[in-house]
Amino acid sequence: MKRKKILGALYGAAYGDSLGAITEFCTHEEIIHHFPNGLRTYEKSISVITKDIESGCVTDDFGSSCYVMQEIINEEGYFHRDIALKAILAWSEDENVFKRYAGSNTKAAIERLKKGSVIEERDKLFHFQGKNTNGGAMKVTPIALLAKHDVSRVIQYTKDLCWPTHYNASAVSAAAAIACAIAQAQKETTIDSIIHEAIQGATKAWNEVSNEGYVTFGPRIENRIQYAVMVARKCTTDDELFSILNNDIGTGILVNESIPAVFAILAYTDGDFEKSMYLAVNAGGDTDTIASMLGAIVGGYHGIDVIPEEIREKINEKNQMIHLKETIETFTQMLLHEKEEEK
């Protein structure tokens, strides 16, 4: 069961990313115009950003996660800030994924890092204040699994992961919410418990990073998640939820939109995998990132069997350049081996 849940989280994240890439940064109305019954399976991309992408290919969301996994494997299961830095720099050399799909904040941070710039006291405001986008949250799946249900470790790994590119209270808090949800979903649990752990993780991370001086503008992530869950659970139809997502919660790249959107869909579907993916990729906005984060949670919650084998085979086939299949298998074996040693 542990193996199935680990694989469910990883392939759930990959599937959400690759399916959401088809509609990335399109509006909900544009999506329904092209797909009157909604996007439900792999089709030709209608996104300007991913117009040349092959169906089944991942973008920066899971592509970056593969590089994180590869560095953790190289370090024999260890993770800290230096490993996060190595992963992001290795990923930045990948012309197939990074240069085509990486966000502007991530690219700017990479340029700074390649020039040898380090974070100084004055950088707390000038370099990181506006970086409250979801480039950290999108790649937390590996470190959430590595932490093995230890919440303090999940938070620390999340902070380390975000350090090179997205280190402020808002971005780290959002990443911690997703990471804690993924970690909780690996247990025998409930959707309510997953949401609860996400809120607790977001609160803890926000407080820790704020106390370090890396403050940010904008609402607290845990408050936005609670609001999103509340309004989503009042919805009785998909159209009503789509309206709430687009008009009240938001589905953009800012963490105070995309991360609450994940939990709104999770609450509305009560964790149904197929329904969650359908809503995420048809809502509009940052569909690949929202679907990838959500896929890691609900994929892990149910286990790998919830993702049809033909979809997994397509993902493996289309992502050979980043060694996706081999990386997932090796990383999973490493996690299972460590679990056995702890007994």
C-alpha atoms as a PDB file:
ATOM      1  CA  MET A   1       0.000   0.000   0.000  1.00  0.00           C
ATOM      2  CA  LYS A   2       2.853   2.398   0.797  1.00  0.00           C
ATOM      3  CA  ARG A   3       4.287   1.884  -2.678  1.00  0.00           C
ATOM      4  CA  LYS A   4       0.908   2.475  -4.301  1.00  0.00           C
ATOM      5  CA  LYS A   5       0.353   5.704  -2.385  1.00  0.00           C
ATOM      6  CA  ILE A   6       3.828   7.043  -3.182  1.00  0.00           C
ATOM      7  CA  LEU A   7       3.394   6.254  -6.872  1.00  0.00           C
ATOM      8  CA  GLY A   8      -0.110   7.718  -6.769  1.00  0.00           C
ATOM      9  CA  ALA A   9       1.249  11.044  -5.541  1.00  0.00           C
ATOM     10  CA  LEU A  10       4.063  11.184  -8.091  1.00  0.00           C
ATOM     11  CA  TYR A  11       2.074  10.090 -11.117  1.00  0.00           C
ATOM     12  CA  GLY A  12      -0.882  12.167  -9.928  1.00  0.00           C
ATOM     13  CA  ALA A  13       1.342  15.246  -9.996  1.00  0.00           C
ATOM     14  CA  ALA A  14       2.727  14.320 -13.421  1.00  0.00           C
ATOM     15  CA  TYR A  15      -0.723  13.622 -14.845  1.00  0.00           C
ATOM     16  CA  GLY A  16      -2.206  16.861 -13.524  1.00  0.00           C
ATOM     17  CA  ASP A  17       0.679  18.834 -14.996  1.00  0.00           C
ATOM     18  CA  SER A  18       0.523  17.172 -18.417  1.00  0.00           C
ATOM     19  CA  LEU A  19      -3.272  17.385 -18.696  1.00  0.00           C
ATOM     20  CA  GLY A  20      -3.434  20.945 -17.373  1.00  0.00           C
ATOM     21  CA  ALA A  21      -0.776  22.021 -19.872  1.00  0.00           C
ATOM     22  CA  ILE A  22      -3.393  21.717 -22.611  1.00  0.00           C
ATOM     23  CA  THR A  23      -5.408  24.618 -21.160  1.00  0.00           C
ATOM     24  CA  GLU A  24      -2.693  26.572 -19.329  1.00  0.00           C
ATOM     25  CA  PHE A  25      -3.528  30.288 -18.977  1.00  0.00           C
ATOM     26  CA  CYS A  26      -6.716  29.981 -21.012  1.00  0.00           C
ATOM     27  CA  THR A  27      -9.931  31.338 -19.534  1.00  0.00           C
ATOM     28  CA  HIS A  28     -12.705  28.980 -18.511  1.00  0.00           C
ATOM     29  CA  GLU A  29     -14.792  30.362 -21.355  1.00  0.00           C
ATOM     30  CA  GLU A  30     -12.049  29.678 -23.909  1.00  0.00           C
ATOM     31  CA  ILE A  31     -11.694  26.128 -22.657  1.00  0.00           C
ATOM     32  CA  ILE A  32     -15.408  25.394 -22.935  1.00  0.00           C
ATOM     33  CA  HIS A  33     -15.463  26.968 -26.398  1.00  0.00           C
ATOM     34  CA  HIS A  34     -12.829  24.487 -27.584  1.00  0.00           C
ATOM     35  CA  PHE A  35     -14.109  21.568 -25.491  1.00  0.00           C
ATOM     36  CA  PRO A  36     -17.901  21.945 -25.068  1.00  0.00           C
ATOM     37  CA  ASN A  37     -18.015  18.992 -22.674  1.00  0.00           C
ATOM     38  CA  GLY A  38     -14.843  20.074 -20.947  1.00  0.00           C
ATOM     39  CA  LEU A  39     -11.319  18.706 -21.328  1.00  0.00           C
ATOM     40  CA  ARG A  40     -11.426  15.117 -20.067  1.00  0.00           C
ATOM     41  CA  THR A  41      -8.499  13.421 -21.787  1.00  0.00           C
ATOM     42  CA  TYR A  42      -5.349  14.282 -23.699  1.00  0.00           C
ATOM     43  CA  GLU A  43      -6.022  16.584 -26.651  1.00  0.00           C
ATOM     44  CA  LYS A  44      -4.015  19.057 -28.723  1.00  0.00           C
ATOM     45  CA  SER A  45      -3.016  22.050 -26.617  1.00  0.00           C
ATOM     46  CA  ILE A  46      -5.055  25.236 -26.969  1.00  0.00           C
ATOM     47  CA  SER A  47      -2.595  27.216 -24.833  1.00  0.00           C
ATOM     48  CA  VAL A  48      -0.296  29.799 -26.393  1.00  0.00           C
ATOM     49  CA  ILE A  49       2.387  28.811 -23.886  1.00  0.00           C
ATOM     50  CA  THR A  50       2.268  25.076 -24.591  1.00  0.00           C
ATOM     51  CA  LYS A  51       1.007  25.124 -28.185  1.00  0.00           C
ATOM     52  CA  ASP A  52       3.835  22.863 -29.413  1.00  0.00           C
ATOM     53  CA  ILE A  53       3.764  20.420 -26.511  1.00  0.00           C
ATOM     54  CA  GLU A  54       3.016  16.756 -27.163  1.00  0.00           C
ATOM     55  CA  SER A  55       0.127  15.234 -25.236  1.00  0.00           C
ATOM     56  CA  GLY A  56       1.445  13.569 -22.109  1.00  0.00           C
ATOM     57  CA  CYS A  57       4.509  15.785 -21.707  1.00  0.00           C
ATOM     58  CA  VAL A  58       5.017  17.509 -18.368  1.00  0.00           C
ATOM     59  CA  THR A  59       6.021  21.165 -18.050  1.00  0.00           C
ATOM     60  CA  ASP A  60       8.062  22.991 -15.422  1.00  0.00           C
ATOM     61  CA  ASP A  61       5.802  21.794 -12.608  1.00  0.00           C
ATOM     62  CA  PHE A  62       6.698  18.120 -12.601  1.00  0.00           C
ATOM     63  CA  GLY A  63       9.852  18.618 -14.636  1.00  0.00           C
ATOM     64  CA  SER A  64      11.372  20.512 -11.715  1.00  0.00           C
ATOM     65  CA  SER A  65      10.175  17.798  -9.317  1.00  0.00           C
ATOM     66  CA  CYS A  66      12.130  15.233 -11.335  1.00  0.00           C
ATOM     67  CA  TYR A  67      15.308  17.231 -10.824  1.00  0.00           C
ATOM     68  CA  VAL A  68      14.600  17.498  -7.092  1.00  0.00           C
ATOM     69  CA  MET A  69      14.166  13.717  -6.927  1.00  0.00           C
ATOM     70  CA  GLN A  70      17.358  13.128  -8.894  1.00  0.00           C
ATOM     71  CA  GLU A  71      19.412  15.277  -6.522  1.00  0.00           C
ATOM     72  CA  ILE A  72      17.890  13.561  -3.470  1.00  0.00           C
ATOM     73  CA  ILE A  73      18.775  10.197  -5.022  1.00  0.00           C
ATOM     74  CA  ASN A  74      22.337  11.413  -5.674  1.00  0.00           C
ATOM     75  CA  GLU A  75      22.578  12.503  -2.033  1.00  0.00           C
ATOM     76  CA  GLU A  76      21.246   9.128  -0.820  1.00  0.00           C
ATOM     77  CA  GLY A  77      18.094  10.497   0.742  1.00  0.00           C
ATOM     78  CA  TYR A  78      19.367  13.723   2.252  1.00  0.00           C
ATOM     79  CA  PHE A  79      17.823  17.119   1.572  1.00  0.00           C
ATOM     80  CA  HIS A  80      18.794  20.655   2.558  1.00  0.00           C
ATOM     81  CA  ARG A  81      19.224  24.092   1.000  1.00  0.00           C
ATOM     82  CA  ASP A  82      22.361  23.242  -0.932  1.00  0.00           C
ATOM     83  CA  ILE A  83      20.638  20.259  -2.541  1.00  0.00           C
ATOM     84  CA  ALA A  84      17.674  22.457  -3.458  1.00  0.00           C
ATOM     85  CA  LEU A  85      20.108  24.869  -5.088  1.00  0.00           C
ATOM     86  CA  LYS A  86      21.824  22.071  -7.028  1.00  0.00           C
ATOM     87  CA  ALA A  87      18.448  20.811  -8.262  1.00  0.00           C
ATOM     88  CA  ILE A  88      17.268  24.209  -9.461  1.00  0.00           C
ATOM     89  CA  LEU A  89      20.564  24.928 -11.230  1.00  0.00           C
ATOM     90  CA  ALA A  90      20.556  21.511 -12.920  1.00  0.00           C
ATOM     91  CA  TRP A  91      16.965  22.057 -14.008  1.00  0.00           C
ATOM     92  CA  SER A  92      17.847  25.465 -15.451  1.00  0.00           C
ATOM     93  CA  GLU A  93      20.123  23.750 -17.976  1.00  0.00           C
ATOM     94  CA  ASP A  94      17.228  21.706 -19.371  1.00  0.00           C
ATOM     95  CA  GLU A  95      16.234  23.446 -22.590  1.00  0.00           C
ATOM     96  CA  ASN A  96      13.294  21.100 -23.076  1.00  0.00           C
ATOM     97  CA  VAL A  97      11.438  22.180 -19.937  1.00  0.00           C
ATOM     98  CA  PHE A  98      13.035  25.076 -18.062  1.00  0.00           C
ATOM     99  CA  LYS A  99      13.640  27.546 -20.872  1.00  0.00           C
ATOM    100  CA  ARG A 100      10.199  26.962 -22.377  1.00  0.00           C
ATOM    101  CA  TYR A 101       7.992  26.882 -19.295  1.00  0.00           C
ATOM    102  CA  ALA A 102       9.703  28.268 -16.175  1.00  0.00           C
ATOM    103  CA  GLY A 103       8.042  31.331 -14.648  1.00  0.00           C
ATOM    104  CA  SER A 104       9.568  34.799 -14.670  1.00  0.00           C
ATOM    105  CA  ASN A 105      10.276  34.839 -10.923  1.00  0.00           C
ATOM    106  CA  THR A 106      12.092  31.516 -11.121  1.00  0.00           C
ATOM    107  CA  LYS A 107      14.108  32.616 -14.153  1.00  0.00           C
ATOM    108  CA  ALA A 108      15.079  35.880 -12.458  1.00  0.00           C
ATOM    109  CA  ALA A 109      16.177  34.012  -9.338  1.00  0.00           C
ATOM    110  CA  ILE A 110      18.252  31.586 -11.411  1.00  0.00           C
ATOM    111  CA  GLU A 111      20.040  34.431 -13.173  1.00  0.00           C
ATOM    112  CA  ARG A 112      20.849  35.952  -9.791  1.00  0.00           C
ATOM    113  CA  LEU A 113      22.143  32.623  -8.481  1.00  0.00           C
ATOM    114  CA  LYS A 114      24.295  31.984 -11.542  1.00  0.00           C
ATOM    115  CA  LYS A 115      25.965  35.343 -10.995  1.00  0.00           C
ATOM    116  CA  GLY A 116      26.900  34.203  -7.511  1.00  0.00           C
ATOM    117  CA  SER A 117      24.515  36.518  -5.697  1.00  0.00           C
ATOM    118  CA  VAL A 118      23.468  35.458  -2.219  1.00  0.00           C
ATOM    119  CA  ILE A 119      20.566  36.578  -0.077  1.00  0.00           C
ATOM    120  CA  GLU A 120      21.582  39.489   2.091  1.00  0.00           C
ATOM    121  CA  GLU A 121      19.686  41.366   4.760  1.00  0.00           C
ATOM    122  CA  ARG A 122      18.588  44.064   2.320  1.00  0.00           C
ATOM    123  CA  ASP A 123      17.315  41.384  -0.090  1.00  0.00           C
ATOM    124  CA  LYS A 124      14.559  40.413   2.318  1.00  0.00           C
ATOM    125  CA  LEU A 125      12.486  43.239   0.926  1.00  0.00           C
ATOM    126  CA  PHE A 126      13.836  44.103  -2.493  1.00  0.00           C
ATOM    127  CA  HIS A 127      14.386  40.665  -4.010  1.00  0.00           C
ATOM    128  CA  PHE A 128      11.751  38.537  -2.356  1.00  0.00           C
ATOM    129  CA  GLN A 129       8.821  40.764  -1.475  1.00  0.00           C
ATOM    130  CA  GLY A 130       7.009  40.246  -4.769  1.00  0.00           C
ATOM    131  CA  LYS A 131       7.945  36.626  -5.343  1.00  0.00           C
ATOM    132  CA  ASN A 132       4.706  35.248  -3.909  1.00  0.00           C
ATOM    133  CA  THR A 133       4.086  32.978  -6.889  1.00  0.00           C
ATOM    134  CA  ASN A 134       3.619  29.210  -6.903  1.00  0.00           C
ATOM    135  CA  GLY A 135       7.014  28.123  -8.259  1.00  0.00           C
ATOM    136  CA  GLY A 136       7.920  26.670  -4.874  1.00  0.00           C
ATOM    137  CA  ALA A 137       4.591  25.000  -4.166  1.00  0.00           C
ATOM    138  CA  MET A 138       4.487  23.285  -7.558  1.00  0.00           C
ATOM    139  CA  LYS A 139       7.515  21.072  -6.826  1.00  0.00           C
ATOM    140  CA  VAL A 140       7.031  19.985  -3.197  1.00  0.00           C
ATOM    141  CA  THR A 141       5.815  16.431  -3.878  1.00  0.00           C
ATOM    142  CA  PRO A 142       9.241  14.749  -3.524  1.00  0.00           C
ATOM    143  CA  ILE A 143      10.150  16.476  -0.274  1.00  0.00           C
ATOM    144  CA  ALA A 144       6.673  15.883   1.186  1.00  0.00           C
ATOM    145  CA  LEU A 145       7.139  12.162   0.577  1.00  0.00           C
ATOM    146  CA  LEU A 146      10.723  12.213   1.845  1.00  0.00           C
ATOM    147  CA  ALA A 147       9.638  13.740   5.171  1.00  0.00           C
ATOM    148  CA  LYS A 148       7.606  10.614   6.052  1.00  0.00           C
ATOM    149  CA  HIS A 149       4.695  12.251   7.903  1.00  0.00           C
ATOM    150  CA  ASP A 150       7.002  14.299  10.178  1.00  0.00           C
ATOM    151  CA  VAL A 151       5.344  17.732  10.034  1.00  0.00           C
ATOM    152  CA  SER A 152       8.369  19.610  11.373  1.00  0.00           C
ATOM    153  CA  ARG A 153      10.505  17.957   8.727  1.00  0.00           C
ATOM    154  CA  VAL A 154       7.935  18.752   6.024  1.00  0.00           C
ATOM    155  CA  ILE A 155       8.087  22.428   6.997  1.00  0.00           C
ATOM    156  CA  GLN A 156      11.886  22.507   7.102  1.00  0.00           C
ATOM    157  CA  TYR A 157      12.231  20.737   3.759  1.00  0.00           C
ATOM    158  CA  THR A 158       9.702  23.138   2.261  1.00  0.00           C
ATOM    159  CA  LYS A 159      11.675  26.121   3.505  1.00  0.00           C
ATOM    160  CA  ASP A 160      14.876  24.639   2.112  1.00  0.00           C
ATOM    161  CA  LEU A 161      13.228  23.956  -1.247  1.00  0.00           C
ATOM    162  CA  CYS A 162      11.898  27.513  -1.545  1.00  0.00           C
ATOM    163  CA  TRP A 163      15.106  29.179  -0.357  1.00  0.00           C
ATOM    164  CA  PRO A 164      16.804  29.678  -3.741  1.00  0.00           C
ATOM    165  CA  THR A 165      13.825  31.182  -5.577  1.00  0.00           C
ATOM    166  CA  HIS A 166      10.665  31.803  -3.504  1.00  0.00           C
ATOM    167  CA  TYR A 167      11.661  32.615   0.052  1.00  0.00           C
ATOM    168  CA  ASN A 168       8.997  34.790   1.642  1.00  0.00           C
ATOM    169  CA  ALA A 169       6.224  34.112   4.133  1.00  0.00           C
ATOM    170  CA  SER A 170       3.482  33.868   1.534  1.00  0.00           C
ATOM    171  CA  ALA A 171       5.222  31.578  -0.971  1.00  0.00           C
ATOM    172  CA  VAL A 172       6.669  29.273   1.688  1.00  0.00           C
ATOM    173  CA  SER A 173       3.375  29.126   3.574  1.00  0.00           C
ATOM    174  CA  ALA A 174       1.578  28.099   0.394  1.00  0.00           C
ATOM    175  CA  ALA A 175       4.189  25.484  -0.442  1.00  0.00           C
ATOM    176  CA  ALA A 176       3.929  24.120   3.097  1.00  0.00           C
ATOM    177  CA  ALA A 177       0.152  23.824   2.770  1.00  0.00           C
ATOM    178  CA  ILE A 178       0.531  21.651  -0.323  1.00  0.00           C
ATOM    179  CA  ALA A 179       3.410  19.644   1.164  1.00  0.00           C
ATOM    180  CA  CYS A 180       1.561  18.944   4.415  1.00  0.00           C
ATOM    181  CA  ALA A 181      -1.530  17.903   2.461  1.00  0.00           C
ATOM    182  CA  ILE A 182       0.516  15.492   0.327  1.00  0.00           C
ATOM    183  CA  ALA A 183       2.198  14.048   3.419  1.00  0.00           C
ATOM    184  CA  GLN A 184      -1.113  13.583   5.237  1.00  0.00           C
ATOM    185  CA  ALA A 185      -2.679  11.954   2.163  1.00  0.00           C
ATOM    186  CA  GLN A 186      -0.058   9.204   2.400  1.00  0.00           C
ATOM    187  CA  LYS A 187      -1.743   8.009   5.589  1.00  0.00           C
ATOM    188  CA  GLU A 188      -5.087   6.285   6.007  1.00  0.00           C
ATOM    189  CA  THR A 189      -6.941   9.549   6.464  1.00  0.00           C
ATOM    190  CA  THR A 190      -9.872  11.759   5.494  1.00  0.00           C
ATOM    191  CA  ILE A 191     -10.198  14.794   3.254  1.00  0.00           C
ATOM    192  CA  ASP A 192     -11.034  16.920   6.297  1.00  0.00           C
ATOM    193  CA  SER A 193      -7.790  15.810   7.952  1.00  0.00           C
ATOM    194  CA  ILE A 194      -5.807  16.623   4.816  1.00  0.00           C
ATOM    195  CA  ILE A 195      -7.264  20.135   4.713  1.00  0.00           C
ATOM    196  CA  HIS A 196      -6.655  20.571   8.441  1.00  0.00           C
ATOM    197  CA  GLU A 197      -2.990  19.605   8.106  1.00  0.00           C
ATOM    198  CA  ALA A 198      -2.593  21.972   5.162  1.00  0.00           C
ATOM    199  CA  ILE A 199      -3.960  24.870   7.200  1.00  0.00           C
ATOM    200  CA  GLN A 200      -1.755  24.019  10.179  1.00  0.00           C
ATOM    201  CA  GLY A 201       1.306  23.722   7.951  1.00  0.00           C
ATOM    202  CA  ALA A 202       0.601  27.019   6.227  1.00  0.00           C
ATOM    203  CA  THR A 203       0.239  28.770   9.587  1.00  0.00           C
ATOM    204  CA  LYS A 204       3.459  27.333  10.992  1.00  0.00           C
ATOM    205  CA  ALA A 205       5.493  28.137   7.889  1.00  0.00           C
ATOM    206  CA  TRP A 206       4.151  31.695   7.638  1.00  0.00           C
ATOM    207  CA  ASN A 207       5.036  32.393  11.264  1.00  0.00           C
ATOM    208  CA  GLU A 208       8.534  30.931  10.989  1.00  0.00           C
ATOM    209  CA  VAL A 209       9.488  32.748   7.791  1.00  0.00           C
ATOM    210  CA  SER A 210       7.935  36.041   8.932  1.00  0.00           C
ATOM    211  CA  ASN A 211       9.894  35.829  12.175  1.00  0.00           C
ATOM    212  CA  GLU A 212      13.059  35.477  10.098  1.00  0.00           C
ATOM    213  CA  GLY A 213      12.210  38.802   8.446  1.00  0.00           C
ATOM    214  CA  TYR A 214      11.053  37.556   5.039  1.00  0.00           C
ATOM    215  CA  VAL A 215       7.707  39.282   5.149  1.00  0.00           C
ATOM    216  CA  THR A 216       5.307  39.781   2.284  1.00  0.00           C
ATOM    217  CA  PHE A 217       2.194  41.660   1.255  1.00  0.00           C
ATOM    218  CA  GLY A 218      -1.133  39.917   0.850  1.00  0.00           C
ATOM    219  CA  PRO A 219      -3.551  37.787   2.867  1.00  0.00           C
ATOM    220  CA  ARG A 220      -2.417  34.879   5.004  1.00  0.00           C
ATOM    221  CA  ILE A 221      -2.619  31.637   3.069  1.00  0.00           C
ATOM    222  CA  GLU A 222      -4.390  29.646   5.776  1.00  0.00           C
ATOM    223  CA  ASN A 223      -7.198  32.227   5.850  1.00  0.00           C
ATOM    224  CA  ARG A 224      -7.586  32.034   2.086  1.00  0.00           C
ATOM    225  CA  ILE A 225      -7.700  28.231   2.213  1.00  0.00           C
ATOM    226  CA  GLN A 226     -10.378  28.250   4.900  1.00  0.00           C
ATOM    227  CA  TYR A 227     -12.465  30.710   2.902  1.00  0.00           C
ATOM    228  CA  ALA A 228     -12.054  28.711  -0.311  1.00  0.00           C
ATOM    229  CA  VAL A 229     -13.109  25.479   1.381  1.00  0.00           C
ATOM    230  CA  MET A 230     -16.122  27.147   2.976  1.00  0.00           C
ATOM    231  CA  VAL A 231     -17.505  28.622  -0.242  1.00  0.00           C
ATOM    232  CA  ALA A 232     -16.709  25.524  -2.312  1.00  0.00           C
ATOM    233  CA  ARG A 233     -18.690  23.300   0.016  1.00  0.00           C
ATOM    234  CA  LYS A 234     -21.743  25.468  -0.534  1.00  0.00           C
ATOM    235  CA  CYS A 235     -21.622  24.810  -4.294  1.00  0.00           C
ATOM    236  CA  THR A 236     -24.088  22.282  -5.669  1.00  0.00           C
ATOM    237  CA  THR A 237     -23.012  22.198  -9.340  1.00  0.00           C
ATOM    238  CA  ASP A 238     -19.756  22.260 -11.291  1.00  0.00           C
ATOM    239  CA  ASP A 239     -20.764  25.511 -12.977  1.00  0.00           C
ATOM    240  CA  GLU A 240     -21.294  27.104  -9.599  1.00  0.00           C
ATOM    241  CA  LEU A 241     -17.838  25.998  -8.503  1.00  0.00           C
ATOM    242  CA  PHE A 242     -16.267  27.288 -11.727  1.00  0.00           C
ATOM    243  CA  SER A 243     -17.900  30.654 -11.058  1.00  0.00           C
ATOM    244  CA  ILE A 244     -16.569  30.727  -7.494  1.00  0.00           C
ATOM    245  CA  LEU A 245     -13.081  29.732  -8.635  1.00  0.00           C
ATOM    246  CA  ASN A 246     -12.919  32.430 -11.289  1.00  0.00           C
ATOM    247  CA  ASN A 247     -14.742  35.275  -9.545  1.00  0.00           C
ATOM    248  CA  ASP A 248     -14.012  34.821  -5.838  1.00  0.00           C
ATOM    249  CA  ILE A 249     -10.984  32.593  -5.279  1.00  0.00           C
ATOM    250  CA  GLY A 250      -8.881  33.049  -8.403  1.00  0.00           C
ATOM    251  CA  THR A 251      -6.791  30.571 -10.387  1.00  0.00           C
ATOM    252  CA  GLY A 252      -3.721  32.651 -11.220  1.00  0.00           C
ATOM    253  CA  ILE A 253      -0.050  32.107 -10.437  1.00  0.00           C
ATOM    254  CA  LEU A 254      -0.126  34.028  -7.153  1.00  0.00           C
ATOM    255  CA  VAL A 255      -0.165  31.682  -4.182  1.00  0.00           C
ATOM    256  CA  ASN A 256      -3.147  33.402  -2.583  1.00  0.00           C
ATOM    257  CA  GLU A 257      -5.183  32.241  -5.603  1.00  0.00           C
ATOM    258  CA  SER A 258      -3.823  28.925  -6.905  1.00  0.00           C
ATOM    259  CA  ILE A 259      -3.258  27.206  -3.565  1.00  0.00           C
ATOM    260  CA  PRO A 260      -6.743  28.026  -2.161  1.00  0.00           C
ATOM    261  CA  ALA A 261      -8.153  26.873  -5.521  1.00  0.00           C
ATOM    262  CA  VAL A 262      -6.574  23.453  -4.949  1.00  0.00           C
ATOM    263  CA  PHE A 263      -8.346  23.065  -1.621  1.00  0.00           C
ATOM    264  CA  ALA A 264     -11.625  24.432  -2.944  1.00  0.00           C
ATOM    265  CA  ILE A 265     -11.698  21.676  -5.559  1.00  0.00           C
ATOM    266  CA  LEU A 266     -10.543  19.083  -3.032  1.00  0.00           C
ATOM    267  CA  ALA A 267     -13.355  20.027  -0.652  1.00  0.00           C
ATOM    268  CA  TYR A 268     -15.995  20.131  -3.386  1.00  0.00           C
ATOM    269  CA  THR A 269     -15.098  16.713  -4.831  1.00  0.00           C
ATOM    270  CA  ASP A 270     -14.311  15.116  -1.461  1.00  0.00           C
ATOM    271  CA  GLY A 271     -11.141  13.816  -3.056  1.00  0.00           C
ATOM    272  CA  ASP A 272     -12.624  12.155  -6.145  1.00  0.00           C
ATOM    273  CA  PHE A 273      -9.617  11.859  -8.469  1.00  0.00           C
ATOM    274  CA  GLU A 274     -11.255  12.042 -11.895  1.00  0.00           C
ATOM    275  CA  LYS A 275     -13.599  14.835 -10.839  1.00  0.00           C
ATOM    276  CA  SER A 276     -10.744  16.789  -9.262  1.00  0.00           C
ATOM    277  CA  MET A 277      -8.653  16.615 -12.425  1.00  0.00           C
ATOM    278  CA  TYR A 278     -11.616  17.601 -14.604  1.00  0.00           C
ATOM    279  CA  LEU A 279     -12.365  20.682 -12.515  1.00  0.00           C
ATOM    280  CA  ALA A 280      -8.723  21.723 -12.207  1.00  0.00           C
ATOM    281  CA  VAL A 281      -7.919  21.626 -15.922  1.00  0.00           C
ATOM    282  CA  ASN A 282     -11.187  23.290 -16.983  1.00  0.00           C
ATOM    283  CA  ALA A 283     -11.258  26.114 -14.435  1.00  0.00           C
ATOM    284  CA  GLY A 284      -8.882  28.323 -16.403  1.00  0.00           C
ATOM    285  CA  GLY A 285      -5.766  30.143 -15.279  1.00  0.00           C
ATOM    286  CA  ASP A 286      -2.727  28.239 -14.046  1.00  0.00           C
ATOM    287  CA  THR A 287      -4.367  24.911 -14.802  1.00  0.00           C
ATOM    288  CA  ASP A 288      -1.238  22.762 -15.025  1.00  0.00           C
ATOM    289  CA  THR A 289       0.093  23.868 -11.649  1.00  0.00           C
ATOM    290  CA  ILE A 290      -3.259  23.622  -9.881  1.00  0.00           C
ATOM    291  CA  ALA A 291      -3.932  20.184 -11.380  1.00  0.00           C
ATOM    292  CA  SER A 292      -0.410  18.987 -10.566  1.00  0.00           C
ATOM    293  CA  MET A 293      -0.586  20.013  -6.901  1.00  0.00           C
ATOM    294  CA  LEU A 294      -4.088  18.589  -6.587  1.00  0.00           C
ATOM    295  CA  GLY A 295      -3.063  15.416  -8.429  1.00  0.00           C
ATOM    296  CA  ALA A 296      -0.290  14.773  -5.916  1.00  0.00           C
ATOM    297  CA  ILE A 297      -2.769  15.020  -3.045  1.00  0.00           C
ATOM    298  CA  VAL A 298      -5.649  12.958  -4.437  1.00  0.00           C
ATOM    299  CA  GLY A 299      -3.345  10.558  -6.279  1.00  0.00           C
ATOM    300  CA  GLY A 300      -1.598   9.777  -3.017  1.00  0.00           C
ATOM    301  CA  TYR A 301      -4.897   9.626  -1.159  1.00  0.00           C
ATOM    302  CA  HIS A 302      -6.235   6.878  -3.442  1.00  0.00           C
ATOM    303  CA  GLY A 303      -3.037   5.234  -4.676  1.00  0.00           C
ATOM    304  CA  ILE A 304      -1.660   4.558  -8.134  1.00  0.00           C
ATOM    305  CA  ASP A 305      -4.539   2.332  -9.259  1.00  0.00           C
ATOM    306  CA  VAL A 306      -6.766   5.413  -9.594  1.00  0.00           C
ATOM    307  CA  ILE A 307      -4.671   6.504 -12.591  1.00  0.00           C
ATOM    308  CA  PRO A 308      -5.326   4.259 -15.624  1.00  0.00           C
ATOM    309  CA  GLU A 309      -2.311   2.264 -16.772  1.00  0.00           C
ATOM    310  CA  GLU A 310      -2.503   3.651 -20.313  1.00  0.00           C
ATOM    311  CA  ILE A 311      -2.133   7.183 -18.934  1.00  0.00           C
ATOM    312  CA  ARG A 312       0.928   6.192 -16.919  1.00  0.00           C
ATOM    313  CA  GLU A 313       2.446   4.518 -19.972  1.00  0.00           C
ATOM    314  CA  LYS A 314       1.863   7.646 -22.051  1.00  0.00           C
ATOM    315  CA  ILE A 315       3.474   9.845 -19.406  1.00  0.00           C
ATOM    316  CA  ASN A 316       6.488   7.514 -19.245  1.00  0.00           C
ATOM    317  CA  GLU A 317       6.813   7.410 -23.027  1.00  0.00           C
ATOM    318  CA  LYS A 318       6.549  11.158 -23.583  1.00  0.00           C
ATOM    319  CA  ASN A 319       8.965  12.179 -20.823  1.00  0.00           C
ATOM    320  CA  GLN A 320      11.988  10.017 -21.524  1.00  0.00           C
ATOM    321  CA  MET A 321      14.219  13.072 -21.956  1.00  0.00           C
ATOM    322  CA  ILE A 322      13.965  13.825 -18.234  1.00  0.00           C
ATOM    323  CA  HIS A 323      14.097  10.122 -17.295  1.00  0.00           C
ATOM    324  CA  LEU A 324      10.729  10.404 -15.573  1.00  0.00           C
ATOM    325  CA  LYS A 325       9.960   6.695 -15.270  1.00  0.00           C
ATOM    326  CA  GLU A 326      13.413   5.747 -13.993  1.00  0.00           C
ATOM    327  CA  THR A 327      13.506   8.680 -11.578  1.00  0.00           C
ATOM    328  CA  ILE A 328      10.115   7.863 -10.077  1.00  0.00           C
ATOM    329  CA  GLU A 329      10.987   4.180  -9.713  1.00  0.00           C
ATOM    330  CA  THR A 330      14.382   4.814  -8.097  1.00  0.00           C
ATOM    331  CA  PHE A 331      12.999   7.490  -5.783  1.00  0.00           C
ATOM    332  CA  THR A 332      10.119   5.244  -4.723  1.00  0.00           C
ATOM    333  CA  GLN A 333      12.472   2.340  -4.015  1.00  0.00           C
ATOM    334  CA  MET A 334      14.696   4.629  -1.955  1.00  0.00           C
ATOM    335  CA  LEU A 335      11.730   5.791   0.137  1.00  0.00           C
ATOM    336  CA  LEU A 336      10.488   2.240   0.691  1.00  0.00           C
ATOM    337  CA  HIS A 337      13.966   1.032   1.644  1.00  0.00           C
ATOM    338  CA  GLU A 338      14.279   3.813   4.211  1.00  0.00           C
ATOM    339  CA  LYS A 339      10.859   2.951   5.636  1.00  0.00           C
ATOM    340  CA  GLU A 340      11.949  -0.679   6.066  1.00  0.00           C
ATOM    341  CA  GLU A 341      15.148   0.380   7.858  1.00  0.00           C
ATOM    342  CA  GLU A 342      13.136   2.463  10.327  1.00  0.00           C
ATOM    343  CA  LYS A 343      11.100  -0.555  11.500  1.00  0.00           C
END
